Amino acid sequence: MVGFKATDIPPTATVKFLGAGTAACIADLITFPLDTAKVRLQIQGESQGPVHATAGAQYRGVLGTILTMVRTEGPRSLYNGLVAGLQRQMSFASVRIGLYDSVKQFYTKGSEHASIGSRLLAGSTTGALAVAVAQPTDVVKVRFQAQARAGGRRYQSTVDAYKTIAREEGFGGLWKGTSPNVARNAIVNCAELVTYDLIKDALLKANLMTDDLPCHFTSAFGAGFCTTVIASPVDVVKTRYMNSALGQYSSAGHCALTMLQKEGPRAFYKGFMPSFLRLGSWNVVMFVTYEQLKRALMAACTSREAPF
């Protein structure tokens, strides 16, 4: 067995809730530069047509984007919006990942054999619920990642961003892009959690692997790839709409239509490589850490309750 040994007692909902938020924060700390590069690539060319956007592209590829940002804005620019990102993960991942098993059990009425339909329903529910809780933190994170030093900083700090958005755009500005974000996270949660669930179950049932680190790594990597392919178009629209100036787009649908008309279908997969690198690595770090944290926390609880 690699890592912490699994306990006989299944993890409680509280352990899953806290473990998911903590694991997601650790994953964000490690992969945040890739997420920032993804956002910069996704918003690139939104004010130009497809020909001009290609000709005048400031960022080219994942490594090129990161190197350009470090050269023109300094290394700290790769972590723009980190505070809001960690706030988002602590509230967001705790709900969408930490409550997934509990909601799945609710839909299956306690049955040990969950159908794909029940898993998809659970993933959609926790994904949408998480957006309702954490949307303002996501808006602030995207705004920070999108702002370039050369173009003038829109916000001086995380608190300033919350206050400025609420003052200039109204309270609703903090909930901008909720519709595409609900759609994105319902899709992401289903692709991510359900795929991880299914791959892990298949590996264990076929006796190809045991329930330890290699199994968690393989399942998480597969989940990251599937999620990127499925969710990229919605993710690009979400990023563009959240970062847009007041009145630039009338709705998320208008944003998507404008992208299609001005930049063509390929615009929906802008930033695909950083998205995959980020989601793949994020999933691996998050799920491996989450599985180990659940075991560590349950082991600590068991040893504390055990009689001397």
Protein backbone atom coordinates (compact mmCIF):
# COMPACT_ATOMS: atom_id res chain seq x y z
CA MET A 1 0.00 0.00 0.00
CA VAL A 2 1.37 3.40 -1.03
CA GLY A 3 0.50 6.42 1.15
CA PHE A 4 -1.81 6.33 4.14
CA LYS A 5 -3.57 3.03 4.77
CA ALA A 6 -7.32 2.98 4.24
CA THR A 7 -9.30 2.79 7.49
CA ASP A 8 -12.18 0.39 8.14
CA ILE A 9 -14.42 3.35 9.00
CA PRO A 10 -15.59 5.34 5.94
CA PRO A 11 -14.83 9.09 6.02
CA THR A 12 -17.57 11.31 7.43
CA ALA A 13 -19.21 14.13 5.45
CA THR A 14 -17.26 16.67 7.53
CA VAL A 15 -13.94 14.99 6.71
CA LYS A 16 -14.81 14.96 2.99
CA PHE A 17 -15.94 18.61 3.11
CA LEU A 18 -12.77 19.88 4.81
CA GLY A 19 -10.49 17.50 2.90
CA ALA A 20 -11.86 18.57 -0.50
CA GLY A 21 -11.41 22.29 0.20
CA THR A 22 -7.88 21.82 1.54
CA ALA A 23 -6.83 19.51 -1.31
CA ALA A 24 -8.21 21.95 -3.90
CA CYS A 25 -6.26 24.84 -2.34
CA ILE A 26 -3.04 22.80 -2.49
CA ALA A 27 -3.74 21.93 -6.14
CA ASP A 28 -4.42 25.62 -6.93
CA LEU A 29 -1.16 26.74 -5.33
CA ILE A 30 0.77 24.36 -7.58
CA THR A 31 -1.10 24.88 -10.86
CA PHE A 32 -2.18 28.55 -10.64
CA PRO A 33 0.32 29.86 -13.26
CA LEU A 34 -1.18 27.45 -15.82
CA ASP A 35 -4.67 28.73 -14.98
CA THR A 36 -3.55 32.35 -15.42
CA ALA A 37 -1.96 31.48 -18.79
CA LYS A 38 -5.22 29.80 -19.81
CA VAL A 39 -7.25 32.92 -18.96
CA ARG A 40 -4.87 35.21 -20.92
CA LEU A 41 -5.08 32.95 -23.99
CA GLN A 42 -8.87 32.70 -23.74
CA ILE A 43 -9.48 36.47 -23.66
CA GLN A 44 -6.85 37.21 -26.33
CA GLY A 45 -8.42 38.60 -29.51
CA GLU A 46 -11.88 39.23 -28.04
CA SER A 47 -11.90 42.81 -29.37
CA GLN A 48 -10.59 41.85 -32.81
CA GLY A 49 -11.59 39.72 -35.75
CA PRO A 50 -10.03 36.31 -36.45
CA VAL A 51 -7.38 37.65 -38.90
CA HIS A 52 -6.26 40.54 -36.68
CA ALA A 53 -6.40 38.37 -33.56
CA THR A 54 -4.00 35.86 -35.11
CA ALA A 55 -1.69 38.49 -36.58
CA GLY A 56 -1.45 40.56 -33.42
CA ALA A 57 -1.43 37.77 -30.86
CA GLN A 58 0.54 38.78 -27.79
CA TYR A 59 0.61 35.29 -26.32
CA ARG A 60 1.53 32.10 -28.18
CA GLY A 61 1.27 28.75 -26.45
CA VAL A 62 1.45 27.89 -22.77
CA LEU A 63 5.18 28.37 -22.27
CA GLY A 64 5.20 31.47 -24.48
CA THR A 65 2.40 33.05 -22.45
CA ILE A 66 4.12 32.33 -19.12
CA LEU A 67 7.49 33.65 -20.37
CA THR A 68 5.87 36.79 -21.85
CA MET A 69 4.08 37.53 -18.58
CA VAL A 70 7.25 37.03 -16.53
CA ARG A 71 9.23 39.26 -18.90
CA THR A 72 6.68 42.10 -19.18
CA GLU A 73 4.91 41.96 -15.81
CA GLY A 74 7.20 40.04 -13.49
CA PRO A 75 6.89 36.54 -11.95
CA ARG A 76 4.22 37.65 -9.46
CA SER A 77 1.79 38.26 -12.33
CA LEU A 78 1.42 34.48 -12.70
CA TYR A 79 -0.28 34.48 -9.30
CA ASN A 80 -2.65 37.41 -9.91
CA GLY A 81 -5.92 36.57 -8.17
CA LEU A 82 -4.45 33.79 -6.01
CA VAL A 83 -6.17 35.02 -2.83
CA ALA A 84 -9.57 35.02 -4.54
CA GLY A 85 -8.66 31.66 -6.11
CA LEU A 86 -8.00 30.10 -2.70
CA GLN A 87 -11.18 31.66 -1.29
CA ARG A 88 -13.03 30.16 -4.25
CA GLN A 89 -11.59 26.68 -3.80
CA MET A 90 -12.20 26.57 -0.06
CA SER A 91 -15.89 27.35 -0.56
CA PHE A 92 -16.35 25.89 -4.05
CA ALA A 93 -14.50 22.56 -3.94
CA SER A 94 -15.75 21.82 -0.43
CA VAL A 95 -19.29 21.80 -1.82
CA ARG A 96 -18.90 20.29 -5.29
CA ILE A 97 -16.39 17.57 -4.33
CA GLY A 98 -16.87 17.18 -0.58
CA LEU A 99 -20.64 16.74 -0.81
CA TYR A 100 -20.63 14.59 -3.98
CA ASP A 101 -20.69 11.21 -2.19
CA SER A 102 -23.43 12.35 0.22
CA VAL A 103 -25.63 13.64 -2.61
CA LYS A 104 -24.95 10.48 -4.64
CA GLN A 105 -26.08 8.35 -1.68
CA PHE A 106 -29.19 10.53 -1.40
CA TYR A 107 -30.13 9.90 -5.05
CA THR A 108 -29.43 6.16 -4.78
CA LYS A 109 -31.28 6.00 -1.43
CA GLY A 110 -28.27 4.47 0.30
CA SER A 111 -27.63 1.74 -2.27
CA GLU A 112 -23.98 0.71 -2.71
CA HIS A 113 -24.44 0.34 -6.48
CA ALA A 114 -24.84 3.78 -8.03
CA SER A 115 -25.91 4.02 -11.67
CA ILE A 116 -24.27 6.43 -14.11
CA GLY A 117 -27.48 8.46 -14.05
CA SER A 118 -27.31 8.88 -10.28
CA ARG A 119 -23.66 9.89 -10.47
CA LEU A 120 -24.37 12.45 -13.21
CA LEU A 121 -27.28 13.85 -11.23
CA ALA A 122 -25.14 14.14 -8.10
CA GLY A 123 -22.33 15.83 -10.03
CA SER A 124 -24.71 18.34 -11.63
CA THR A 125 -26.34 19.12 -8.29
CA THR A 126 -23.16 19.78 -6.32
CA GLY A 127 -21.58 21.65 -9.26
CA ALA A 128 -24.53 24.05 -9.54
CA LEU A 129 -24.80 24.43 -5.76
CA ALA A 130 -21.11 25.31 -5.51
CA VAL A 131 -21.53 28.13 -8.05
CA ALA A 132 -24.36 29.61 -5.97
CA VAL A 133 -21.95 29.77 -3.01
CA ALA A 134 -18.68 30.83 -4.66
CA GLN A 135 -19.55 32.90 -7.78
CA PRO A 136 -18.22 36.28 -6.48
CA THR A 137 -14.80 34.76 -5.73
CA ASP A 138 -14.65 33.34 -9.27
CA VAL A 139 -15.47 36.73 -10.84
CA VAL A 140 -12.71 38.46 -8.83
CA LYS A 141 -10.20 35.68 -9.63
CA VAL A 142 -10.82 35.95 -13.39
CA ARG A 143 -10.64 39.77 -13.33
CA PHE A 144 -7.27 39.67 -11.54
CA GLN A 145 -5.84 37.02 -13.87
CA ALA A 146 -6.96 38.95 -16.95
CA GLN A 147 -5.52 42.35 -15.99
CA ALA A 148 -2.09 43.12 -17.40
CA ARG A 149 0.24 45.60 -15.77
CA ALA A 150 0.89 47.30 -19.11
CA GLY A 151 -2.81 48.03 -19.58
CA GLY A 152 -3.25 49.57 -16.13
CA ARG A 153 -4.45 47.70 -13.08
CA ARG A 154 -8.20 47.72 -12.55
CA TYR A 155 -7.97 46.54 -8.94
CA GLN A 156 -5.31 47.06 -6.29
CA SER A 157 -6.26 44.18 -3.98
CA THR A 158 -8.81 41.41 -3.54
CA VAL A 159 -10.93 43.47 -1.15
CA ASP A 160 -10.69 46.47 -3.52
CA ALA A 161 -11.91 44.26 -6.37
CA TYR A 162 -15.01 43.15 -4.44
CA LYS A 163 -15.78 46.76 -3.45
CA THR A 164 -15.11 48.25 -6.90
CA ILE A 165 -17.20 45.68 -8.76
CA ALA A 166 -20.12 46.12 -6.33
CA ARG A 167 -19.86 49.94 -6.53
CA GLU A 168 -19.46 50.28 -10.31
CA GLU A 169 -21.57 47.36 -11.55
CA GLY A 170 -23.94 46.83 -8.65
CA PHE A 171 -24.24 43.78 -6.44
CA GLY A 172 -25.19 41.79 -9.53
CA GLY A 173 -21.72 42.43 -10.95
CA LEU A 174 -20.29 39.98 -8.43
CA TRP A 175 -22.65 37.35 -9.84
CA LYS A 176 -21.82 38.11 -13.48
CA GLY A 177 -21.60 35.00 -15.62
CA THR A 178 -23.56 32.83 -13.17
CA SER A 179 -25.52 31.11 -15.97
CA PRO A 180 -22.49 29.98 -18.02
CA ASN A 181 -20.69 29.13 -14.80
CA VAL A 182 -23.57 26.92 -13.62
CA ALA A 183 -23.55 25.21 -17.04
CA ARG A 184 -19.76 24.89 -16.98
CA ASN A 185 -19.56 23.49 -13.49
CA ALA A 186 -22.43 21.08 -13.95
CA ILE A 187 -20.52 19.78 -17.00
CA VAL A 188 -17.11 19.90 -15.28
CA ASN A 189 -18.37 18.20 -12.15
CA CYS A 190 -20.03 15.43 -14.13
CA ALA A 191 -17.00 14.92 -16.36
CA GLU A 192 -14.50 15.23 -13.53
CA LEU A 193 -16.07 13.40 -10.59
CA VAL A 194 -18.09 10.85 -12.52
CA THR A 195 -15.15 9.97 -14.80
CA TYR A 196 -12.83 9.67 -11.79
CA ASP A 197 -15.44 7.55 -10.02
CA LEU A 198 -15.96 5.24 -13.02
CA ILE A 199 -12.26 4.82 -13.89
CA LYS A 200 -11.37 4.10 -10.26
CA ASP A 201 -14.22 1.58 -9.89
CA ALA A 202 -13.25 -0.14 -13.15
CA LEU A 203 -9.59 -0.45 -12.12
CA LEU A 204 -10.49 -1.85 -8.72
CA LYS A 205 -13.14 -4.30 -10.00
CA ALA A 206 -10.79 -5.61 -12.69
CA ASN A 207 -8.05 -6.03 -10.06
CA LEU A 208 -5.70 -4.00 -12.27
CA MET A 209 -4.75 -1.78 -9.34
CA THR A 210 -5.32 -1.51 -5.62
CA ASP A 211 -6.88 1.51 -3.89
CA ASP A 212 -3.67 3.51 -3.52
CA LEU A 213 -1.66 6.31 -5.16
CA PRO A 214 -1.12 4.78 -8.66
CA CYS A 215 -4.85 4.09 -8.97
CA HIS A 216 -5.75 7.62 -7.81
CA PHE A 217 -3.16 9.14 -10.18
CA THR A 218 -4.43 7.20 -13.23
CA SER A 219 -8.09 7.94 -12.48
CA ALA A 220 -7.39 11.65 -11.92
CA PHE A 221 -5.37 12.03 -15.14
CA GLY A 222 -8.13 10.38 -17.19
CA ALA A 223 -10.74 12.60 -15.53
CA GLY A 224 -8.70 15.72 -16.32
CA PHE A 225 -8.45 14.92 -20.04
CA CYS A 226 -12.16 14.10 -20.42
CA THR A 227 -13.14 17.24 -18.53
CA THR A 228 -10.99 19.51 -20.71
CA VAL A 229 -12.42 18.15 -23.97
CA ILE A 230 -16.02 18.48 -22.78
CA ALA A 231 -15.89 21.74 -20.84
CA SER A 232 -13.49 23.97 -22.84
CA PRO A 233 -16.12 25.79 -24.98
CA VAL A 234 -18.24 26.72 -21.95
CA ASP A 235 -15.12 27.67 -20.00
CA VAL A 236 -13.97 30.12 -22.69
CA VAL A 237 -17.40 31.79 -22.83
CA LYS A 238 -17.49 31.99 -19.03
CA THR A 239 -14.06 33.63 -18.89
CA ARG A 240 -14.84 36.14 -21.66
CA TYR A 241 -18.22 37.08 -20.15
CA MET A 242 -16.90 37.47 -16.59
CA ASN A 243 -14.01 39.65 -17.76
CA SER A 244 -16.11 41.81 -20.11
CA ALA A 245 -16.77 45.51 -19.51
CA LEU A 246 -20.24 46.58 -18.43
CA GLY A 247 -22.58 46.41 -21.46
CA GLN A 248 -20.08 44.67 -23.78
CA TYR A 249 -22.25 41.56 -23.96
CA SER A 250 -25.97 41.42 -23.21
CA SER A 251 -25.79 37.77 -22.11
CA ALA A 252 -23.59 34.68 -22.13
CA GLY A 253 -25.35 33.57 -25.33
CA HIS A 254 -24.55 36.91 -26.96
CA CYS A 255 -20.91 36.49 -25.91
CA ALA A 256 -20.76 33.02 -27.50
CA LEU A 257 -22.42 34.26 -30.71
CA THR A 258 -20.02 37.22 -30.95
CA MET A 259 -17.05 34.89 -30.54
CA LEU A 260 -18.36 32.61 -33.28
CA GLN A 261 -18.96 35.48 -35.70
CA LYS A 262 -15.70 37.37 -35.09
CA GLU A 263 -13.21 34.57 -34.38
CA GLY A 264 -14.76 31.38 -35.70
CA PRO A 265 -15.41 27.99 -33.99
CA ARG A 266 -11.77 27.51 -32.98
CA ALA A 267 -12.12 30.38 -30.52
CA PHE A 268 -14.09 28.06 -28.23
CA TYR A 269 -10.96 25.95 -27.77
CA LYS A 270 -8.57 28.83 -27.13
CA GLY A 271 -6.23 27.95 -24.32
CA PHE A 272 -6.92 24.21 -24.72
CA MET A 273 -3.36 23.12 -23.94
CA PRO A 274 -3.03 25.19 -20.74
CA SER A 275 -6.55 24.07 -19.83
CA PHE A 276 -5.54 20.43 -20.22
CA LEU A 277 -2.18 20.89 -18.50
CA ARG A 278 -3.90 22.76 -15.70
CA LEU A 279 -6.90 20.43 -15.32
CA GLY A 280 -4.80 17.30 -15.74
CA SER A 281 -2.22 18.36 -13.17
CA TRP A 282 -4.88 19.96 -10.93
CA ASN A 283 -6.92 16.75 -10.92
CA VAL A 284 -3.89 14.61 -10.13
CA VAL A 285 -2.75 16.83 -7.25
CA MET A 286 -6.26 17.40 -5.92
CA PHE A 287 -7.57 13.80 -6.02
CA VAL A 288 -4.33 12.24 -4.74
CA THR A 289 -4.17 14.80 -1.91
CA TYR A 290 -7.90 14.43 -1.21
CA GLU A 291 -7.71 10.65 -0.92
CA GLN A 292 -4.70 10.89 1.40
CA LEU A 293 -6.25 13.66 3.50
CA LYS A 294 -9.43 11.62 4.02
CA ARG A 295 -7.38 8.69 5.26
CA ALA A 296 -5.11 10.85 7.42
CA LEU A 297 -8.05 12.69 9.02
CA MET A 298 -9.95 9.46 9.68
CA ALA A 299 -6.81 7.84 11.11
CA ALA A 300 -6.36 10.85 13.41
CA CYS A 301 -10.02 10.69 14.52
CA THR A 302 -9.80 6.93 15.12
CA SER A 303 -6.60 7.16 17.17
CA ARG A 304 -8.01 10.02 19.24
CA GLU A 305 -11.18 8.09 20.04
CA ALA A 306 -9.39 4.79 20.71
CA PRO A 307 -9.13 3.89 24.43
CA PHE A 308 -5.66 3.90 26.04
